[in-house]
Amino acid sequence: MTLEITKEEFDSNKESYLDRIENGEVIIVRHPNGNAVLAIPERWDDDFMHLWNHDDAS
């Protein structure tokens, strides 16, 4: 399950959210303009590799 929070929420408790992310949780951080950032653990996980392991140019 993915947690979605606002940028304000992230900024107000950044260390706690970073710990959660590094422990394997995926968090979507929504900016006031509607854009979002997907925060995932630093280690590469097979569940996420397909997001980067492709060649759209071929």
PDB file of N, CA and C in Angstrom:
ATOM      1  N   MET A   1       0.842  -1.175   0.000  1.00  0.00           N
ATOM      2  CA  MET A   1       0.000   0.000   0.000  1.00  0.00           C
ATOM      3  C   MET A   1       0.885   1.235   0.000  1.00  0.00           C
ATOM      4  N   THR A   2       0.498   2.222  -0.770  1.00  0.00           N
ATOM      5  CA  THR A   2       1.253   3.459  -0.890  1.00  0.00           C
ATOM      6  C   THR A   2       0.553   4.565  -0.124  1.00  0.00           C
ATOM      7  N   LEU A   3       1.325   5.304   0.639  1.00  0.00           N
ATOM      8  CA  LEU A   3       0.814   6.429   1.405  1.00  0.00           C
ATOM      9  C   LEU A   3       0.976   7.695   0.575  1.00  0.00           C
ATOM     10  N   GLU A   4      -0.042   8.539   0.525  1.00  0.00           N
ATOM     11  CA  GLU A   4       0.073   9.838  -0.138  1.00  0.00           C
ATOM     12  C   GLU A   4      -0.072  10.927   0.911  1.00  0.00           C
ATOM     13  N   ILE A   5       0.905  11.852   0.912  1.00  0.00           N
ATOM     14  CA  ILE A   5       0.897  12.959   1.856  1.00  0.00           C
ATOM     15  C   ILE A   5       1.167  14.256   1.103  1.00  0.00           C
ATOM     16  N   THR A   6       0.920  15.376   1.756  1.00  0.00           N
ATOM     17  CA  THR A   6       1.234  16.670   1.160  1.00  0.00           C
ATOM     18  C   THR A   6       2.696  17.001   1.425  1.00  0.00           C
ATOM     19  N   LYS A   7       3.230  17.912   0.636  1.00  0.00           N
ATOM     20  CA  LYS A   7       4.608  18.370   0.852  1.00  0.00           C
ATOM     21  C   LYS A   7       4.736  18.998   2.230  1.00  0.00           C
ATOM     22  N   GLU A   8       3.721  19.709   2.658  1.00  0.00           N
ATOM     23  CA  GLU A   8       3.729  20.328   3.985  1.00  0.00           C
ATOM     24  C   GLU A   8       3.848  19.260   5.081  1.00  0.00           C
ATOM     25  N   GLU A   9       3.095  18.174   4.939  1.00  0.00           N
ATOM     26  CA  GLU A   9       3.181  17.078   5.908  1.00  0.00           C
ATOM     27  C   GLU A   9       4.582  16.470   5.910  1.00  0.00           C
ATOM     28  N   PHE A  10       5.132  16.263   4.706  1.00  0.00           N
ATOM     29  CA  PHE A  10       6.473  15.704   4.592  1.00  0.00           C
ATOM     30  C   PHE A  10       7.492  16.604   5.257  1.00  0.00           C
ATOM     31  N   ASP A  11       7.431  17.897   4.949  1.00  0.00           N
ATOM     32  CA  ASP A  11       8.401  18.847   5.507  1.00  0.00           C
ATOM     33  C   ASP A  11       8.303  18.959   7.025  1.00  0.00           C
ATOM     34  N   SER A  12       7.102  18.828   7.561  1.00  0.00           N
ATOM     35  CA  SER A  12       6.929  18.988   9.003  1.00  0.00           C
ATOM     36  C   SER A  12       7.435  17.796   9.802  1.00  0.00           C
ATOM     37  N   ASN A  13       7.598  16.644   9.155  1.00  0.00           N
ATOM     38  CA  ASN A  13       8.052  15.442   9.855  1.00  0.00           C
ATOM     39  C   ASN A  13       8.994  14.639   8.956  1.00  0.00           C
ATOM     40  N   LYS A  14       9.920  15.337   8.327  1.00  0.00           N
ATOM     41  CA  LYS A  14      10.782  14.775   7.292  1.00  0.00           C
ATOM     42  C   LYS A  14      11.563  13.539   7.751  1.00  0.00           C
ATOM     43  N   GLU A  15      12.218  13.603   8.901  1.00  0.00           N
ATOM     44  CA  GLU A  15      13.049  12.484   9.350  1.00  0.00           C
ATOM     45  C   GLU A  15      12.229  11.214   9.545  1.00  0.00           C
ATOM     46  N   SER A  16      11.037  11.359  10.093  1.00  0.00           N
ATOM     47  CA  SER A  16      10.176  10.200  10.294  1.00  0.00           C
ATOM     48  C   SER A  16       9.778   9.577   8.962  1.00  0.00           C
ATOM     49  N   TYR A  17       9.398  10.410   7.989  1.00  0.00           N
ATOM     50  CA  TYR A  17       9.022   9.884   6.673  1.00  0.00           C
ATOM     51  C   TYR A  17      10.213   9.265   5.962  1.00  0.00           C
ATOM     52  N   LEU A  18      11.402   9.871   6.082  1.00  0.00           N
ATOM     53  CA  LEU A  18      12.588   9.294   5.453  1.00  0.00           C
ATOM     54  C   LEU A  18      12.920   7.933   6.057  1.00  0.00           C
ATOM     55  N   ASP A  19      12.765   7.794   7.370  1.00  0.00           N
ATOM     56  CA  ASP A  19      12.971   6.497   8.009  1.00  0.00           C
ATOM     57  C   ASP A  19      11.991   5.457   7.467  1.00  0.00           C
ATOM     58  N   ARG A  20      10.736   5.852   7.330  1.00  0.00           N
ATOM     59  CA  ARG A  20       9.715   4.933   6.809  1.00  0.00           C
ATOM     60  C   ARG A  20      10.052   4.500   5.391  1.00  0.00           C
ATOM     61  N   ILE A  21      10.505   5.442   4.570  1.00  0.00           N
ATOM     62  CA  ILE A  21      10.871   5.133   3.188  1.00  0.00           C
ATOM     63  C   ILE A  21      12.043   4.161   3.157  1.00  0.00           C
ATOM     64  N   GLU A  22      13.074   4.428   3.947  1.00  0.00           N
ATOM     65  CA  GLU A  22      14.239   3.546   3.971  1.00  0.00           C
ATOM     66  C   GLU A  22      13.914   2.169   4.534  1.00  0.00           C
ATOM     67  N   ASN A  23      12.824   2.055   5.271  1.00  0.00           N
ATOM     68  CA  ASN A  23      12.385   0.756   5.784  1.00  0.00           C
ATOM     69  C   ASN A  23      11.441   0.042   4.818  1.00  0.00           C
ATOM     70  N   GLY A  24      11.299   0.573   3.596  1.00  0.00           N
ATOM     71  CA  GLY A  24      10.557  -0.123   2.561  1.00  0.00           C
ATOM     72  C   GLY A  24       9.214   0.462   2.169  1.00  0.00           C
ATOM     73  N   GLU A  25       8.774   1.505   2.847  1.00  0.00           N
ATOM     74  CA  GLU A  25       7.477   2.096   2.518  1.00  0.00           C
ATOM     75  C   GLU A  25       7.611   3.017   1.295  1.00  0.00           C
ATOM     76  N   VAL A  26       6.606   3.016   0.457  1.00  0.00           N
ATOM     77  CA  VAL A  26       6.555   3.900  -0.709  1.00  0.00           C
ATOM     78  C   VAL A  26       5.591   5.032  -0.370  1.00  0.00           C
ATOM     79  N   ILE A  27       6.054   6.274  -0.578  1.00  0.00           N
ATOM     80  CA  ILE A  27       5.246   7.443  -0.241  1.00  0.00           C
ATOM     81  C   ILE A  27       5.178   8.378  -1.441  1.00  0.00           C
ATOM     82  N   ILE A  28       3.979   8.837  -1.744  1.00  0.00           N
ATOM     83  CA  ILE A  28       3.774   9.864  -2.763  1.00  0.00           C
ATOM     84  C   ILE A  28       3.674  11.195  -2.033  1.00  0.00           C
ATOM     85  N   VAL A  29       4.520  12.143  -2.413  1.00  0.00           N
ATOM     86  CA  VAL A  29       4.503  13.473  -1.808  1.00  0.00           C
ATOM     87  C   VAL A  29       3.880  14.425  -2.825  1.00  0.00           C
ATOM     88  N   ARG A  30       2.713  14.952  -2.497  1.00  0.00           N
ATOM     89  CA  ARG A  30       1.944  15.817  -3.402  1.00  0.00           C
ATOM     90  C   ARG A  30       2.278  17.279  -3.114  1.00  0.00           C
ATOM     91  N   HIS A  31       2.716  17.990  -4.157  1.00  0.00           N
ATOM     92  CA  HIS A  31       3.035  19.414  -4.051  1.00  0.00           C
ATOM     93  C   HIS A  31       1.763  20.253  -4.216  1.00  0.00           C
ATOM     94  N   PRO A  32       1.787  21.506  -3.738  1.00  0.00           N
ATOM     95  CA  PRO A  32       0.596  22.362  -3.828  1.00  0.00           C
ATOM     96  C   PRO A  32       0.081  22.560  -5.258  1.00  0.00           C
ATOM     97  N   ASN A  33       0.973  22.505  -6.251  1.00  0.00           N
ATOM     98  CA  ASN A  33       0.545  22.703  -7.637  1.00  0.00           C
ATOM     99  C   ASN A  33      -0.031  21.434  -8.263  1.00  0.00           C
ATOM    100  N   GLY A  34      -0.093  20.348  -7.483  1.00  0.00           N
ATOM    101  CA  GLY A  34      -0.663  19.100  -7.985  1.00  0.00           C
ATOM    102  C   GLY A  34       0.375  18.076  -8.424  1.00  0.00           C
ATOM    103  N   ASN A  35       1.605  18.519  -8.680  1.00  0.00           N
ATOM    104  CA  ASN A  35       2.669  17.574  -9.038  1.00  0.00           C
ATOM    105  C   ASN A  35       2.954  16.669  -7.853  1.00  0.00           C
ATOM    106  N   ALA A  36       3.521  15.512  -8.150  1.00  0.00           N
ATOM    107  CA  ALA A  36       3.833  14.570  -7.083  1.00  0.00           C
ATOM    108  C   ALA A  36       5.207  13.963  -7.301  1.00  0.00           C
ATOM    109  N   VAL A  37       5.809  13.537  -6.194  1.00  0.00           N
ATOM    110  CA  VAL A  37       7.093  12.851  -6.210  1.00  0.00           C
ATOM    111  C   VAL A  37       6.888  11.494  -5.558  1.00  0.00           C
ATOM    112  N   LEU A  38       7.396  10.461  -6.198  1.00  0.00           N
ATOM    113  CA  LEU A  38       7.331   9.120  -5.643  1.00  0.00           C
ATOM    114  C   LEU A  38       8.613   8.879  -4.861  1.00  0.00           C
ATOM    115  N   ALA A  39       8.485   8.666  -3.568  1.00  0.00           N
ATOM    116  CA  ALA A  39       9.645   8.405  -2.712  1.00  0.00           C
ATOM    117  C   ALA A  39       9.707   6.909  -2.446  1.00  0.00           C
ATOM    118  N   ILE A  40      10.817   6.294  -2.876  1.00  0.00           N
ATOM    119  CA  ILE A  40      10.991   4.851  -2.704  1.00  0.00           C
ATOM    120  C   ILE A  40      12.312   4.593  -1.988  1.00  0.00           C
ATOM    121  N   PRO A  41      12.493   3.414  -1.426  1.00  0.00           N
ATOM    122  CA  PRO A  41      13.750   3.085  -0.751  1.00  0.00           C
ATOM    123  C   PRO A  41      14.938   3.206  -1.693  1.00  0.00           C
ATOM    124  N   GLU A  42      16.090   3.529  -1.144  1.00  0.00           N
ATOM    125  CA  GLU A  42      17.296   3.698  -1.948  1.00  0.00           C
ATOM    126  C   GLU A  42      17.718   2.413  -2.629  1.00  0.00           C
ATOM    127  N   ARG A  43      17.540   1.299  -1.969  1.00  0.00           N
ATOM    128  CA  ARG A  43      17.948   0.025  -2.578  1.00  0.00           C
ATOM    129  C   ARG A  43      17.028  -0.292  -3.767  1.00  0.00           C
ATOM    130  N   TRP A  44      17.604  -0.879  -4.777  1.00  0.00           N
ATOM    131  CA  TRP A  44      16.800  -1.252  -5.937  1.00  0.00           C
ATOM    132  C   TRP A  44      15.993  -2.479  -5.617  1.00  0.00           C
ATOM    133  N   ASP A  45      14.771  -2.479  -5.999  1.00  0.00           N
ATOM    134  CA  ASP A  45      13.857  -3.583  -5.721  1.00  0.00           C
ATOM    135  C   ASP A  45      13.297  -4.056  -7.056  1.00  0.00           C
ATOM    136  N   ASP A  46      13.201  -5.343  -7.241  1.00  0.00           N
ATOM    137  CA  ASP A  46      12.682  -5.893  -8.494  1.00  0.00           C
ATOM    138  C   ASP A  46      11.286  -5.373  -8.822  1.00  0.00           C
ATOM    139  N   ASP A  47      10.505  -5.027  -7.793  1.00  0.00           N
ATOM    140  CA  ASP A  47       9.165  -4.505  -8.030  1.00  0.00           C
ATOM    141  C   ASP A  47       9.191  -3.137  -8.704  1.00  0.00           C
ATOM    142  N   PHE A  48      10.322  -2.406  -8.596  1.00  0.00           N
ATOM    143  CA  PHE A  48      10.413  -1.062  -9.162  1.00  0.00           C
ATOM    144  C   PHE A  48      11.324  -0.992 -10.394  1.00  0.00           C
ATOM    145  N   MET A  49      12.142  -2.018 -10.624  1.00  0.00           N
ATOM    146  CA  MET A  49      13.108  -1.968 -11.722  1.00  0.00           C
ATOM    147  C   MET A  49      12.449  -1.733 -13.081  1.00  0.00           C
ATOM    148  N   HIS A  50      11.245  -2.248 -13.286  1.00  0.00           N
ATOM    149  CA  HIS A  50      10.600  -2.077 -14.584  1.00  0.00           C
ATOM    150  C   HIS A  50      10.326  -0.602 -14.895  1.00  0.00           C
ATOM    151  N   LEU A  51      10.321   0.260 -13.883  1.00  0.00           N
ATOM    152  CA  LEU A  51      10.083   1.685 -14.124  1.00  0.00           C
ATOM    153  C   LEU A  51      11.259   2.343 -14.850  1.00  0.00           C
ATOM    154  N   TRP A  52      12.473   1.786 -14.680  1.00  0.00           N
ATOM    155  CA  TRP A  52      13.652   2.373 -15.296  1.00  0.00           C
ATOM    156  C   TRP A  52      14.308   1.467 -16.323  1.00  0.00           C
ATOM    157  N   ASN A  53      14.043   0.204 -16.288  1.00  0.00           N
ATOM    158  CA  ASN A  53      14.730  -0.764 -17.122  1.00  0.00           C
ATOM    159  C   ASN A  53      13.967  -1.004 -18.432  1.00  0.00           C
ATOM    160  N   HIS A  54      13.970   0.010 -19.277  1.00  0.00           N
ATOM    161  CA  HIS A  54      13.305  -0.129 -20.571  1.00  0.00           C
ATOM    162  C   HIS A  54      13.910   0.867 -21.561  1.00  0.00           C
ATOM    163  N   ASP A  55      13.607   0.687 -22.814  1.00  0.00           N
ATOM    164  CA  ASP A  55      14.117   1.573 -23.857  1.00  0.00           C
ATOM    165  C   ASP A  55      12.930   1.970 -24.738  1.00  0.00           C
ATOM    166  N   ASP A  56      12.400   3.146 -24.498  1.00  0.00           N
ATOM    167  CA  ASP A  56      11.241   3.616 -25.259  1.00  0.00           C
ATOM    168  C   ASP A  56      11.617   4.024 -26.689  1.00  0.00           C
ATOM    169  N   ALA A  57      12.903   4.162 -26.942  1.00  0.00           N
ATOM    170  CA  ALA A  57      13.331   4.626 -28.262  1.00  0.00           C
ATOM    171  C   ALA A  57      13.318   3.513 -29.310  1.00  0.00           C
ATOM    172  N   SER A  58      13.215   2.284 -28.916  1.00  0.00           N
ATOM    173  CA  SER A  58      13.305   1.215 -29.908  1.00  0.00           C
ATOM    174  C   SER A  58      11.962   0.831 -30.468  1.00  0.00           C
TER     175      SER A  58
END
